[in-house]
Amino acid sequence: HFGDGPVVAGPVVDHLFDATASTR
């Protein structure tokens, strides 16, 4: 479903509140 190029998955975090680390 993504366009061409890399698709990168961040690490799994404990909660949506901690998702900034996965986003970064």
PDBML (XML) file of the C-alpha atoms, coordinates in Angstrom:
<?xml version="1.0" encoding="UTF-8" ?>
<PDBx:datablock datablockName="MODEL"
   xmlns:PDBx="http://pdbml.pdb.org/schema/pdbx-v50.xsd"
   xmlns:xsi="http://www.w3.org/2001/XMLSchema-instance"
   xsi:schemaLocation="http://pdbml.pdb.org/schema/pdbx-v50.xsd pdbx-v50.xsd">
   <PDBx:atom_siteCategory>
      <PDBx:atom_site id="1">
         <PDBx:B_iso_or_equiv>0.00</PDBx:B_iso_or_equiv>
         <PDBx:Cartn_x>0.000</PDBx:Cartn_x>
         <PDBx:Cartn_y>0.000</PDBx:Cartn_y>
         <PDBx:Cartn_z>0.000</PDBx:Cartn_z>
         <PDBx:auth_asym_id>A</PDBx:auth_asym_id>
         <PDBx:auth_atom_id>CA</PDBx:auth_atom_id>
         <PDBx:auth_comp_id>HIS</PDBx:auth_comp_id>
         <PDBx:auth_seq_id>1</PDBx:auth_seq_id>
         <PDBx:group_PDB>ATOM</PDBx:group_PDB>
         <PDBx:label_alt_id xsi:nil="true" />
         <PDBx:label_asym_id>A</PDBx:label_asym_id>
         <PDBx:label_atom_id>CA</PDBx:label_atom_id>
         <PDBx:label_comp_id>HIS</PDBx:label_comp_id>
         <PDBx:label_entity_id>1</PDBx:label_entity_id>
         <PDBx:label_seq_id>1</PDBx:label_seq_id>
         <PDBx:occupancy>1.00</PDBx:occupancy>
         <PDBx:pdbx_PDB_model_num>1</PDBx:pdbx_PDB_model_num>
         <PDBx:type_symbol>C</PDBx:type_symbol>
      </PDBx:atom_site>
      <PDBx:atom_site id="2">
         <PDBx:B_iso_or_equiv>0.00</PDBx:B_iso_or_equiv>
         <PDBx:Cartn_x>3.040</PDBx:Cartn_x>
         <PDBx:Cartn_y>2.292</PDBx:Cartn_y>
         <PDBx:Cartn_z>0.299</PDBx:Cartn_z>
         <PDBx:auth_asym_id>A</PDBx:auth_asym_id>
         <PDBx:auth_atom_id>CA</PDBx:auth_atom_id>
         <PDBx:auth_comp_id>PHE</PDBx:auth_comp_id>
         <PDBx:auth_seq_id>2</PDBx:auth_seq_id>
         <PDBx:group_PDB>ATOM</PDBx:group_PDB>
         <PDBx:label_alt_id xsi:nil="true" />
         <PDBx:label_asym_id>A</PDBx:label_asym_id>
         <PDBx:label_atom_id>CA</PDBx:label_atom_id>
         <PDBx:label_comp_id>PHE</PDBx:label_comp_id>
         <PDBx:label_entity_id>1</PDBx:label_entity_id>
         <PDBx:label_seq_id>2</PDBx:label_seq_id>
         <PDBx:occupancy>1.00</PDBx:occupancy>
         <PDBx:pdbx_PDB_model_num>1</PDBx:pdbx_PDB_model_num>
         <PDBx:type_symbol>C</PDBx:type_symbol>
      </PDBx:atom_site>
      <PDBx:atom_site id="3">
         <PDBx:B_iso_or_equiv>0.00</PDBx:B_iso_or_equiv>
         <PDBx:Cartn_x>4.787</PDBx:Cartn_x>
         <PDBx:Cartn_y>4.007</PDBx:Cartn_y>
         <PDBx:Cartn_z>-2.573</PDBx:Cartn_z>
         <PDBx:auth_asym_id>A</PDBx:auth_asym_id>
         <PDBx:auth_atom_id>CA</PDBx:auth_atom_id>
         <PDBx:auth_comp_id>GLY</PDBx:auth_comp_id>
         <PDBx:auth_seq_id>3</PDBx:auth_seq_id>
         <PDBx:group_PDB>ATOM</PDBx:group_PDB>
         <PDBx:label_alt_id xsi:nil="true" />
         <PDBx:label_asym_id>A</PDBx:label_asym_id>
         <PDBx:label_atom_id>CA</PDBx:label_atom_id>
         <PDBx:label_comp_id>GLY</PDBx:label_comp_id>
         <PDBx:label_entity_id>1</PDBx:label_entity_id>
         <PDBx:label_seq_id>3</PDBx:label_seq_id>
         <PDBx:occupancy>1.00</PDBx:occupancy>
         <PDBx:pdbx_PDB_model_num>1</PDBx:pdbx_PDB_model_num>
         <PDBx:type_symbol>C</PDBx:type_symbol>
      </PDBx:atom_site>
      <PDBx:atom_site id="4">
         <PDBx:B_iso_or_equiv>0.00</PDBx:B_iso_or_equiv>
         <PDBx:Cartn_x>8.140</PDBx:Cartn_x>
         <PDBx:Cartn_y>2.911</PDBx:Cartn_y>
         <PDBx:Cartn_z>-3.915</PDBx:Cartn_z>
         <PDBx:auth_asym_id>A</PDBx:auth_asym_id>
         <PDBx:auth_atom_id>CA</PDBx:auth_atom_id>
         <PDBx:auth_comp_id>ASP</PDBx:auth_comp_id>
         <PDBx:auth_seq_id>4</PDBx:auth_seq_id>
         <PDBx:group_PDB>ATOM</PDBx:group_PDB>
         <PDBx:label_alt_id xsi:nil="true" />
         <PDBx:label_asym_id>A</PDBx:label_asym_id>
         <PDBx:label_atom_id>CA</PDBx:label_atom_id>
         <PDBx:label_comp_id>ASP</PDBx:label_comp_id>
         <PDBx:label_entity_id>1</PDBx:label_entity_id>
         <PDBx:label_seq_id>4</PDBx:label_seq_id>
         <PDBx:occupancy>1.00</PDBx:occupancy>
         <PDBx:pdbx_PDB_model_num>1</PDBx:pdbx_PDB_model_num>
         <PDBx:type_symbol>C</PDBx:type_symbol>
      </PDBx:atom_site>
      <PDBx:atom_site id="5">
         <PDBx:B_iso_or_equiv>0.00</PDBx:B_iso_or_equiv>
         <PDBx:Cartn_x>11.081</PDBx:Cartn_x>
         <PDBx:Cartn_y>3.087</PDBx:Cartn_y>
         <PDBx:Cartn_z>-1.534</PDBx:Cartn_z>
         <PDBx:auth_asym_id>A</PDBx:auth_asym_id>
         <PDBx:auth_atom_id>CA</PDBx:auth_atom_id>
         <PDBx:auth_comp_id>GLY</PDBx:auth_comp_id>
         <PDBx:auth_seq_id>5</PDBx:auth_seq_id>
         <PDBx:group_PDB>ATOM</PDBx:group_PDB>
         <PDBx:label_alt_id xsi:nil="true" />
         <PDBx:label_asym_id>A</PDBx:label_asym_id>
         <PDBx:label_atom_id>CA</PDBx:label_atom_id>
         <PDBx:label_comp_id>GLY</PDBx:label_comp_id>
         <PDBx:label_entity_id>1</PDBx:label_entity_id>
         <PDBx:label_seq_id>5</PDBx:label_seq_id>
         <PDBx:occupancy>1.00</PDBx:occupancy>
         <PDBx:pdbx_PDB_model_num>1</PDBx:pdbx_PDB_model_num>
         <PDBx:type_symbol>C</PDBx:type_symbol>
      </PDBx:atom_site>
      <PDBx:atom_site id="6">
         <PDBx:B_iso_or_equiv>0.00</PDBx:B_iso_or_equiv>
         <PDBx:Cartn_x>11.833</PDBx:Cartn_x>
         <PDBx:Cartn_y>1.951</PDBx:Cartn_y>
         <PDBx:Cartn_z>2.000</PDBx:Cartn_z>
         <PDBx:auth_asym_id>A</PDBx:auth_asym_id>
         <PDBx:auth_atom_id>CA</PDBx:auth_atom_id>
         <PDBx:auth_comp_id>PRO</PDBx:auth_comp_id>
         <PDBx:auth_seq_id>6</PDBx:auth_seq_id>
         <PDBx:group_PDB>ATOM</PDBx:group_PDB>
         <PDBx:label_alt_id xsi:nil="true" />
         <PDBx:label_asym_id>A</PDBx:label_asym_id>
         <PDBx:label_atom_id>CA</PDBx:label_atom_id>
         <PDBx:label_comp_id>PRO</PDBx:label_comp_id>
         <PDBx:label_entity_id>1</PDBx:label_entity_id>
         <PDBx:label_seq_id>6</PDBx:label_seq_id>
         <PDBx:occupancy>1.00</PDBx:occupancy>
         <PDBx:pdbx_PDB_model_num>1</PDBx:pdbx_PDB_model_num>
         <PDBx:type_symbol>C</PDBx:type_symbol>
      </PDBx:atom_site>
      <PDBx:atom_site id="7">
         <PDBx:B_iso_or_equiv>0.00</PDBx:B_iso_or_equiv>
         <PDBx:Cartn_x>9.132</PDBx:Cartn_x>
         <PDBx:Cartn_y>1.135</PDBx:Cartn_y>
         <PDBx:Cartn_z>4.540</PDBx:Cartn_z>
         <PDBx:auth_asym_id>A</PDBx:auth_asym_id>
         <PDBx:auth_atom_id>CA</PDBx:auth_atom_id>
         <PDBx:auth_comp_id>VAL</PDBx:auth_comp_id>
         <PDBx:auth_seq_id>7</PDBx:auth_seq_id>
         <PDBx:group_PDB>ATOM</PDBx:group_PDB>
         <PDBx:label_alt_id xsi:nil="true" />
         <PDBx:label_asym_id>A</PDBx:label_asym_id>
         <PDBx:label_atom_id>CA</PDBx:label_atom_id>
         <PDBx:label_comp_id>VAL</PDBx:label_comp_id>
         <PDBx:label_entity_id>1</PDBx:label_entity_id>
         <PDBx:label_seq_id>7</PDBx:label_seq_id>
         <PDBx:occupancy>1.00</PDBx:occupancy>
         <PDBx:pdbx_PDB_model_num>1</PDBx:pdbx_PDB_model_num>
         <PDBx:type_symbol>C</PDBx:type_symbol>
      </PDBx:atom_site>
      <PDBx:atom_site id="8">
         <PDBx:B_iso_or_equiv>0.00</PDBx:B_iso_or_equiv>
         <PDBx:Cartn_x>10.518</PDBx:Cartn_x>
         <PDBx:Cartn_y>1.417</PDBx:Cartn_y>
         <PDBx:Cartn_z>8.069</PDBx:Cartn_z>
         <PDBx:auth_asym_id>A</PDBx:auth_asym_id>
         <PDBx:auth_atom_id>CA</PDBx:auth_atom_id>
         <PDBx:auth_comp_id>VAL</PDBx:auth_comp_id>
         <PDBx:auth_seq_id>8</PDBx:auth_seq_id>
         <PDBx:group_PDB>ATOM</PDBx:group_PDB>
         <PDBx:label_alt_id xsi:nil="true" />
         <PDBx:label_asym_id>A</PDBx:label_asym_id>
         <PDBx:label_atom_id>CA</PDBx:label_atom_id>
         <PDBx:label_comp_id>VAL</PDBx:label_comp_id>
         <PDBx:label_entity_id>1</PDBx:label_entity_id>
         <PDBx:label_seq_id>8</PDBx:label_seq_id>
         <PDBx:occupancy>1.00</PDBx:occupancy>
         <PDBx:pdbx_PDB_model_num>1</PDBx:pdbx_PDB_model_num>
         <PDBx:type_symbol>C</PDBx:type_symbol>
      </PDBx:atom_site>
      <PDBx:atom_site id="9">
         <PDBx:B_iso_or_equiv>0.00</PDBx:B_iso_or_equiv>
         <PDBx:Cartn_x>8.899</PDBx:Cartn_x>
         <PDBx:Cartn_y>0.108</PDBx:Cartn_y>
         <PDBx:Cartn_z>11.255</PDBx:Cartn_z>
         <PDBx:auth_asym_id>A</PDBx:auth_asym_id>
         <PDBx:auth_atom_id>CA</PDBx:auth_atom_id>
         <PDBx:auth_comp_id>ALA</PDBx:auth_comp_id>
         <PDBx:auth_seq_id>9</PDBx:auth_seq_id>
         <PDBx:group_PDB>ATOM</PDBx:group_PDB>
         <PDBx:label_alt_id xsi:nil="true" />
         <PDBx:label_asym_id>A</PDBx:label_asym_id>
         <PDBx:label_atom_id>CA</PDBx:label_atom_id>
         <PDBx:label_comp_id>ALA</PDBx:label_comp_id>
         <PDBx:label_entity_id>1</PDBx:label_entity_id>
         <PDBx:label_seq_id>9</PDBx:label_seq_id>
         <PDBx:occupancy>1.00</PDBx:occupancy>
         <PDBx:pdbx_PDB_model_num>1</PDBx:pdbx_PDB_model_num>
         <PDBx:type_symbol>C</PDBx:type_symbol>
      </PDBx:atom_site>
      <PDBx:atom_site id="10">
         <PDBx:B_iso_or_equiv>0.00</PDBx:B_iso_or_equiv>
         <PDBx:Cartn_x>9.799</PDBx:Cartn_x>
         <PDBx:Cartn_y>1.705</PDBx:Cartn_y>
         <PDBx:Cartn_z>14.556</PDBx:Cartn_z>
         <PDBx:auth_asym_id>A</PDBx:auth_asym_id>
         <PDBx:auth_atom_id>CA</PDBx:auth_atom_id>
         <PDBx:auth_comp_id>GLY</PDBx:auth_comp_id>
         <PDBx:auth_seq_id>10</PDBx:auth_seq_id>
         <PDBx:group_PDB>ATOM</PDBx:group_PDB>
         <PDBx:label_alt_id xsi:nil="true" />
         <PDBx:label_asym_id>A</PDBx:label_asym_id>
         <PDBx:label_atom_id>CA</PDBx:label_atom_id>
         <PDBx:label_comp_id>GLY</PDBx:label_comp_id>
         <PDBx:label_entity_id>1</PDBx:label_entity_id>
         <PDBx:label_seq_id>10</PDBx:label_seq_id>
         <PDBx:occupancy>1.00</PDBx:occupancy>
         <PDBx:pdbx_PDB_model_num>1</PDBx:pdbx_PDB_model_num>
         <PDBx:type_symbol>C</PDBx:type_symbol>
      </PDBx:atom_site>
      <PDBx:atom_site id="11">
         <PDBx:B_iso_or_equiv>0.00</PDBx:B_iso_or_equiv>
         <PDBx:Cartn_x>10.164</PDBx:Cartn_x>
         <PDBx:Cartn_y>-0.335</PDBx:Cartn_y>
         <PDBx:Cartn_z>17.750</PDBx:Cartn_z>
         <PDBx:auth_asym_id>A</PDBx:auth_asym_id>
         <PDBx:auth_atom_id>CA</PDBx:auth_atom_id>
         <PDBx:auth_comp_id>PRO</PDBx:auth_comp_id>
         <PDBx:auth_seq_id>11</PDBx:auth_seq_id>
         <PDBx:group_PDB>ATOM</PDBx:group_PDB>
         <PDBx:label_alt_id xsi:nil="true" />
         <PDBx:label_asym_id>A</PDBx:label_asym_id>
         <PDBx:label_atom_id>CA</PDBx:label_atom_id>
         <PDBx:label_comp_id>PRO</PDBx:label_comp_id>
         <PDBx:label_entity_id>1</PDBx:label_entity_id>
         <PDBx:label_seq_id>11</PDBx:label_seq_id>
         <PDBx:occupancy>1.00</PDBx:occupancy>
         <PDBx:pdbx_PDB_model_num>1</PDBx:pdbx_PDB_model_num>
         <PDBx:type_symbol>C</PDBx:type_symbol>
      </PDBx:atom_site>
      <PDBx:atom_site id="12">
         <PDBx:B_iso_or_equiv>0.00</PDBx:B_iso_or_equiv>
         <PDBx:Cartn_x>7.100</PDBx:Cartn_x>
         <PDBx:Cartn_y>-1.527</PDBx:Cartn_y>
         <PDBx:Cartn_z>19.659</PDBx:Cartn_z>
         <PDBx:auth_asym_id>A</PDBx:auth_asym_id>
         <PDBx:auth_atom_id>CA</PDBx:auth_atom_id>
         <PDBx:auth_comp_id>VAL</PDBx:auth_comp_id>
         <PDBx:auth_seq_id>12</PDBx:auth_seq_id>
         <PDBx:group_PDB>ATOM</PDBx:group_PDB>
         <PDBx:label_alt_id xsi:nil="true" />
         <PDBx:label_asym_id>A</PDBx:label_asym_id>
         <PDBx:label_atom_id>CA</PDBx:label_atom_id>
         <PDBx:label_comp_id>VAL</PDBx:label_comp_id>
         <PDBx:label_entity_id>1</PDBx:label_entity_id>
         <PDBx:label_seq_id>12</PDBx:label_seq_id>
         <PDBx:occupancy>1.00</PDBx:occupancy>
         <PDBx:pdbx_PDB_model_num>1</PDBx:pdbx_PDB_model_num>
         <PDBx:type_symbol>C</PDBx:type_symbol>
      </PDBx:atom_site>
      <PDBx:atom_site id="13">
         <PDBx:B_iso_or_equiv>0.00</PDBx:B_iso_or_equiv>
         <PDBx:Cartn_x>6.450</PDBx:Cartn_x>
         <PDBx:Cartn_y>0.662</PDBx:Cartn_y>
         <PDBx:Cartn_z>22.723</PDBx:Cartn_z>
         <PDBx:auth_asym_id>A</PDBx:auth_asym_id>
         <PDBx:auth_atom_id>CA</PDBx:auth_atom_id>
         <PDBx:auth_comp_id>VAL</PDBx:auth_comp_id>
         <PDBx:auth_seq_id>13</PDBx:auth_seq_id>
         <PDBx:group_PDB>ATOM</PDBx:group_PDB>
         <PDBx:label_alt_id xsi:nil="true" />
         <PDBx:label_asym_id>A</PDBx:label_asym_id>
         <PDBx:label_atom_id>CA</PDBx:label_atom_id>
         <PDBx:label_comp_id>VAL</PDBx:label_comp_id>
         <PDBx:label_entity_id>1</PDBx:label_entity_id>
         <PDBx:label_seq_id>13</PDBx:label_seq_id>
         <PDBx:occupancy>1.00</PDBx:occupancy>
         <PDBx:pdbx_PDB_model_num>1</PDBx:pdbx_PDB_model_num>
         <PDBx:type_symbol>C</PDBx:type_symbol>
      </PDBx:atom_site>
      <PDBx:atom_site id="14">
         <PDBx:B_iso_or_equiv>0.00</PDBx:B_iso_or_equiv>
         <PDBx:Cartn_x>4.206</PDBx:Cartn_x>
         <PDBx:Cartn_y>0.078</PDBx:Cartn_y>
         <PDBx:Cartn_z>25.708</PDBx:Cartn_z>
         <PDBx:auth_asym_id>A</PDBx:auth_asym_id>
         <PDBx:auth_atom_id>CA</PDBx:auth_atom_id>
         <PDBx:auth_comp_id>ASP</PDBx:auth_comp_id>
         <PDBx:auth_seq_id>14</PDBx:auth_seq_id>
         <PDBx:group_PDB>ATOM</PDBx:group_PDB>
         <PDBx:label_alt_id xsi:nil="true" />
         <PDBx:label_asym_id>A</PDBx:label_asym_id>
         <PDBx:label_atom_id>CA</PDBx:label_atom_id>
         <PDBx:label_comp_id>ASP</PDBx:label_comp_id>
         <PDBx:label_entity_id>1</PDBx:label_entity_id>
         <PDBx:label_seq_id>14</PDBx:label_seq_id>
         <PDBx:occupancy>1.00</PDBx:occupancy>
         <PDBx:pdbx_PDB_model_num>1</PDBx:pdbx_PDB_model_num>
         <PDBx:type_symbol>C</PDBx:type_symbol>
      </PDBx:atom_site>
      <PDBx:atom_site id="15">
         <PDBx:B_iso_or_equiv>0.00</PDBx:B_iso_or_equiv>
         <PDBx:Cartn_x>1.494</PDBx:Cartn_x>
         <PDBx:Cartn_y>2.640</PDBx:Cartn_y>
         <PDBx:Cartn_z>24.929</PDBx:Cartn_z>
         <PDBx:auth_asym_id>A</PDBx:auth_asym_id>
         <PDBx:auth_atom_id>CA</PDBx:auth_atom_id>
         <PDBx:auth_comp_id>HIS</PDBx:auth_comp_id>
         <PDBx:auth_seq_id>15</PDBx:auth_seq_id>
         <PDBx:group_PDB>ATOM</PDBx:group_PDB>
         <PDBx:label_alt_id xsi:nil="true" />
         <PDBx:label_asym_id>A</PDBx:label_asym_id>
         <PDBx:label_atom_id>CA</PDBx:label_atom_id>
         <PDBx:label_comp_id>HIS</PDBx:label_comp_id>
         <PDBx:label_entity_id>1</PDBx:label_entity_id>
         <PDBx:label_seq_id>15</PDBx:label_seq_id>
         <PDBx:occupancy>1.00</PDBx:occupancy>
         <PDBx:pdbx_PDB_model_num>1</PDBx:pdbx_PDB_model_num>
         <PDBx:type_symbol>C</PDBx:type_symbol>
      </PDBx:atom_site>
      <PDBx:atom_site id="16">
         <PDBx:B_iso_or_equiv>0.00</PDBx:B_iso_or_equiv>
         <PDBx:Cartn_x>0.389</PDBx:Cartn_x>
         <PDBx:Cartn_y>5.302</PDBx:Cartn_y>
         <PDBx:Cartn_z>22.491</PDBx:Cartn_z>
         <PDBx:auth_asym_id>A</PDBx:auth_asym_id>
         <PDBx:auth_atom_id>CA</PDBx:auth_atom_id>
         <PDBx:auth_comp_id>LEU</PDBx:auth_comp_id>
         <PDBx:auth_seq_id>16</PDBx:auth_seq_id>
         <PDBx:group_PDB>ATOM</PDBx:group_PDB>
         <PDBx:label_alt_id xsi:nil="true" />
         <PDBx:label_asym_id>A</PDBx:label_asym_id>
         <PDBx:label_atom_id>CA</PDBx:label_atom_id>
         <PDBx:label_comp_id>LEU</PDBx:label_comp_id>
         <PDBx:label_entity_id>1</PDBx:label_entity_id>
         <PDBx:label_seq_id>16</PDBx:label_seq_id>
         <PDBx:occupancy>1.00</PDBx:occupancy>
         <PDBx:pdbx_PDB_model_num>1</PDBx:pdbx_PDB_model_num>
         <PDBx:type_symbol>C</PDBx:type_symbol>
      </PDBx:atom_site>
      <PDBx:atom_site id="17">
         <PDBx:B_iso_or_equiv>0.00</PDBx:B_iso_or_equiv>
         <PDBx:Cartn_x>1.783</PDBx:Cartn_x>
         <PDBx:Cartn_y>7.864</PDBx:Cartn_y>
         <PDBx:Cartn_z>24.943</PDBx:Cartn_z>
         <PDBx:auth_asym_id>A</PDBx:auth_asym_id>
         <PDBx:auth_atom_id>CA</PDBx:auth_atom_id>
         <PDBx:auth_comp_id>PHE</PDBx:auth_comp_id>
         <PDBx:auth_seq_id>17</PDBx:auth_seq_id>
         <PDBx:group_PDB>ATOM</PDBx:group_PDB>
         <PDBx:label_alt_id xsi:nil="true" />
         <PDBx:label_asym_id>A</PDBx:label_asym_id>
         <PDBx:label_atom_id>CA</PDBx:label_atom_id>
         <PDBx:label_comp_id>PHE</PDBx:label_comp_id>
         <PDBx:label_entity_id>1</PDBx:label_entity_id>
         <PDBx:label_seq_id>17</PDBx:label_seq_id>
         <PDBx:occupancy>1.00</PDBx:occupancy>
         <PDBx:pdbx_PDB_model_num>1</PDBx:pdbx_PDB_model_num>
         <PDBx:type_symbol>C</PDBx:type_symbol>
      </PDBx:atom_site>
      <PDBx:atom_site id="18">
         <PDBx:B_iso_or_equiv>0.00</PDBx:B_iso_or_equiv>
         <PDBx:Cartn_x>5.251</PDBx:Cartn_x>
         <PDBx:Cartn_y>6.405</PDBx:Cartn_y>
         <PDBx:Cartn_z>24.290</PDBx:Cartn_z>
         <PDBx:auth_asym_id>A</PDBx:auth_asym_id>
         <PDBx:auth_atom_id>CA</PDBx:auth_atom_id>
         <PDBx:auth_comp_id>ASP</PDBx:auth_comp_id>
         <PDBx:auth_seq_id>18</PDBx:auth_seq_id>
         <PDBx:group_PDB>ATOM</PDBx:group_PDB>
         <PDBx:label_alt_id xsi:nil="true" />
         <PDBx:label_asym_id>A</PDBx:label_asym_id>
         <PDBx:label_atom_id>CA</PDBx:label_atom_id>
         <PDBx:label_comp_id>ASP</PDBx:label_comp_id>
         <PDBx:label_entity_id>1</PDBx:label_entity_id>
         <PDBx:label_seq_id>18</PDBx:label_seq_id>
         <PDBx:occupancy>1.00</PDBx:occupancy>
         <PDBx:pdbx_PDB_model_num>1</PDBx:pdbx_PDB_model_num>
         <PDBx:type_symbol>C</PDBx:type_symbol>
      </PDBx:atom_site>
      <PDBx:atom_site id="19">
         <PDBx:B_iso_or_equiv>0.00</PDBx:B_iso_or_equiv>
         <PDBx:Cartn_x>4.858</PDBx:Cartn_x>
         <PDBx:Cartn_y>6.281</PDBx:Cartn_y>
         <PDBx:Cartn_z>20.510</PDBx:Cartn_z>
         <PDBx:auth_asym_id>A</PDBx:auth_asym_id>
         <PDBx:auth_atom_id>CA</PDBx:auth_atom_id>
         <PDBx:auth_comp_id>ALA</PDBx:auth_comp_id>
         <PDBx:auth_seq_id>19</PDBx:auth_seq_id>
         <PDBx:group_PDB>ATOM</PDBx:group_PDB>
         <PDBx:label_alt_id xsi:nil="true" />
         <PDBx:label_asym_id>A</PDBx:label_asym_id>
         <PDBx:label_atom_id>CA</PDBx:label_atom_id>
         <PDBx:label_comp_id>ALA</PDBx:label_comp_id>
         <PDBx:label_entity_id>1</PDBx:label_entity_id>
         <PDBx:label_seq_id>19</PDBx:label_seq_id>
         <PDBx:occupancy>1.00</PDBx:occupancy>
         <PDBx:pdbx_PDB_model_num>1</PDBx:pdbx_PDB_model_num>
         <PDBx:type_symbol>C</PDBx:type_symbol>
      </PDBx:atom_site>
      <PDBx:atom_site id="20">
         <PDBx:B_iso_or_equiv>0.00</PDBx:B_iso_or_equiv>
         <PDBx:Cartn_x>7.119</PDBx:Cartn_x>
         <PDBx:Cartn_y>9.310</PDBx:Cartn_y>
         <PDBx:Cartn_z>20.059</PDBx:Cartn_z>
         <PDBx:auth_asym_id>A</PDBx:auth_asym_id>
         <PDBx:auth_atom_id>CA</PDBx:auth_atom_id>
         <PDBx:auth_comp_id>THR</PDBx:auth_comp_id>
         <PDBx:auth_seq_id>20</PDBx:auth_seq_id>
         <PDBx:group_PDB>ATOM</PDBx:group_PDB>
         <PDBx:label_alt_id xsi:nil="true" />
         <PDBx:label_asym_id>A</PDBx:label_asym_id>
         <PDBx:label_atom_id>CA</PDBx:label_atom_id>
         <PDBx:label_comp_id>THR</PDBx:label_comp_id>
         <PDBx:label_entity_id>1</PDBx:label_entity_id>
         <PDBx:label_seq_id>20</PDBx:label_seq_id>
         <PDBx:occupancy>1.00</PDBx:occupancy>
         <PDBx:pdbx_PDB_model_num>1</PDBx:pdbx_PDB_model_num>
         <PDBx:type_symbol>C</PDBx:type_symbol>
      </PDBx:atom_site>
      <PDBx:atom_site id="21">
         <PDBx:B_iso_or_equiv>0.00</PDBx:B_iso_or_equiv>
         <PDBx:Cartn_x>10.152</PDBx:Cartn_x>
         <PDBx:Cartn_y>7.050</PDBx:Cartn_y>
         <PDBx:Cartn_z>20.535</PDBx:Cartn_z>
         <PDBx:auth_asym_id>A</PDBx:auth_asym_id>
         <PDBx:auth_atom_id>CA</PDBx:auth_atom_id>
         <PDBx:auth_comp_id>ALA</PDBx:auth_comp_id>
         <PDBx:auth_seq_id>21</PDBx:auth_seq_id>
         <PDBx:group_PDB>ATOM</PDBx:group_PDB>
         <PDBx:label_alt_id xsi:nil="true" />
         <PDBx:label_asym_id>A</PDBx:label_asym_id>
         <PDBx:label_atom_id>CA</PDBx:label_atom_id>
         <PDBx:label_comp_id>ALA</PDBx:label_comp_id>
         <PDBx:label_entity_id>1</PDBx:label_entity_id>
         <PDBx:label_seq_id>21</PDBx:label_seq_id>
         <PDBx:occupancy>1.00</PDBx:occupancy>
         <PDBx:pdbx_PDB_model_num>1</PDBx:pdbx_PDB_model_num>
         <PDBx:type_symbol>C</PDBx:type_symbol>
      </PDBx:atom_site>
      <PDBx:atom_site id="22">
         <PDBx:B_iso_or_equiv>0.00</PDBx:B_iso_or_equiv>
         <PDBx:Cartn_x>8.883</PDBx:Cartn_x>
         <PDBx:Cartn_y>4.688</PDBx:Cartn_y>
         <PDBx:Cartn_z>17.846</PDBx:Cartn_z>
         <PDBx:auth_asym_id>A</PDBx:auth_asym_id>
         <PDBx:auth_atom_id>CA</PDBx:auth_atom_id>
         <PDBx:auth_comp_id>SER</PDBx:auth_comp_id>
         <PDBx:auth_seq_id>22</PDBx:auth_seq_id>
         <PDBx:group_PDB>ATOM</PDBx:group_PDB>
         <PDBx:label_alt_id xsi:nil="true" />
         <PDBx:label_asym_id>A</PDBx:label_asym_id>
         <PDBx:label_atom_id>CA</PDBx:label_atom_id>
         <PDBx:label_comp_id>SER</PDBx:label_comp_id>
         <PDBx:label_entity_id>1</PDBx:label_entity_id>
         <PDBx:label_seq_id>22</PDBx:label_seq_id>
         <PDBx:occupancy>1.00</PDBx:occupancy>
         <PDBx:pdbx_PDB_model_num>1</PDBx:pdbx_PDB_model_num>
         <PDBx:type_symbol>C</PDBx:type_symbol>
      </PDBx:atom_site>
      <PDBx:atom_site id="23">
         <PDBx:B_iso_or_equiv>0.00</PDBx:B_iso_or_equiv>
         <PDBx:Cartn_x>8.121</PDBx:Cartn_x>
         <PDBx:Cartn_y>7.634</PDBx:Cartn_y>
         <PDBx:Cartn_z>15.570</PDBx:Cartn_z>
         <PDBx:auth_asym_id>A</PDBx:auth_asym_id>
         <PDBx:auth_atom_id>CA</PDBx:auth_atom_id>
         <PDBx:auth_comp_id>THR</PDBx:auth_comp_id>
         <PDBx:auth_seq_id>23</PDBx:auth_seq_id>
         <PDBx:group_PDB>ATOM</PDBx:group_PDB>
         <PDBx:label_alt_id xsi:nil="true" />
         <PDBx:label_asym_id>A</PDBx:label_asym_id>
         <PDBx:label_atom_id>CA</PDBx:label_atom_id>
         <PDBx:label_comp_id>THR</PDBx:label_comp_id>
         <PDBx:label_entity_id>1</PDBx:label_entity_id>
         <PDBx:label_seq_id>23</PDBx:label_seq_id>
         <PDBx:occupancy>1.00</PDBx:occupancy>
         <PDBx:pdbx_PDB_model_num>1</PDBx:pdbx_PDB_model_num>
         <PDBx:type_symbol>C</PDBx:type_symbol>
      </PDBx:atom_site>
      <PDBx:atom_site id="24">
         <PDBx:B_iso_or_equiv>0.00</PDBx:B_iso_or_equiv>
         <PDBx:Cartn_x>11.581</PDBx:Cartn_x>
         <PDBx:Cartn_y>9.128</PDBx:Cartn_y>
         <PDBx:Cartn_z>16.020</PDBx:Cartn_z>
         <PDBx:auth_asym_id>A</PDBx:auth_asym_id>
         <PDBx:auth_atom_id>CA</PDBx:auth_atom_id>
         <PDBx:auth_comp_id>ARG</PDBx:auth_comp_id>
         <PDBx:auth_seq_id>24</PDBx:auth_seq_id>
         <PDBx:group_PDB>ATOM</PDBx:group_PDB>
         <PDBx:label_alt_id xsi:nil="true" />
         <PDBx:label_asym_id>A</PDBx:label_asym_id>
         <PDBx:label_atom_id>CA</PDBx:label_atom_id>
         <PDBx:label_comp_id>ARG</PDBx:label_comp_id>
         <PDBx:label_entity_id>1</PDBx:label_entity_id>
         <PDBx:label_seq_id>24</PDBx:label_seq_id>
         <PDBx:occupancy>1.00</PDBx:occupancy>
         <PDBx:pdbx_PDB_model_num>1</PDBx:pdbx_PDB_model_num>
         <PDBx:type_symbol>C</PDBx:type_symbol>
      </PDBx:atom_site>
   </PDBx:atom_siteCategory>
</PDBx:datablock>
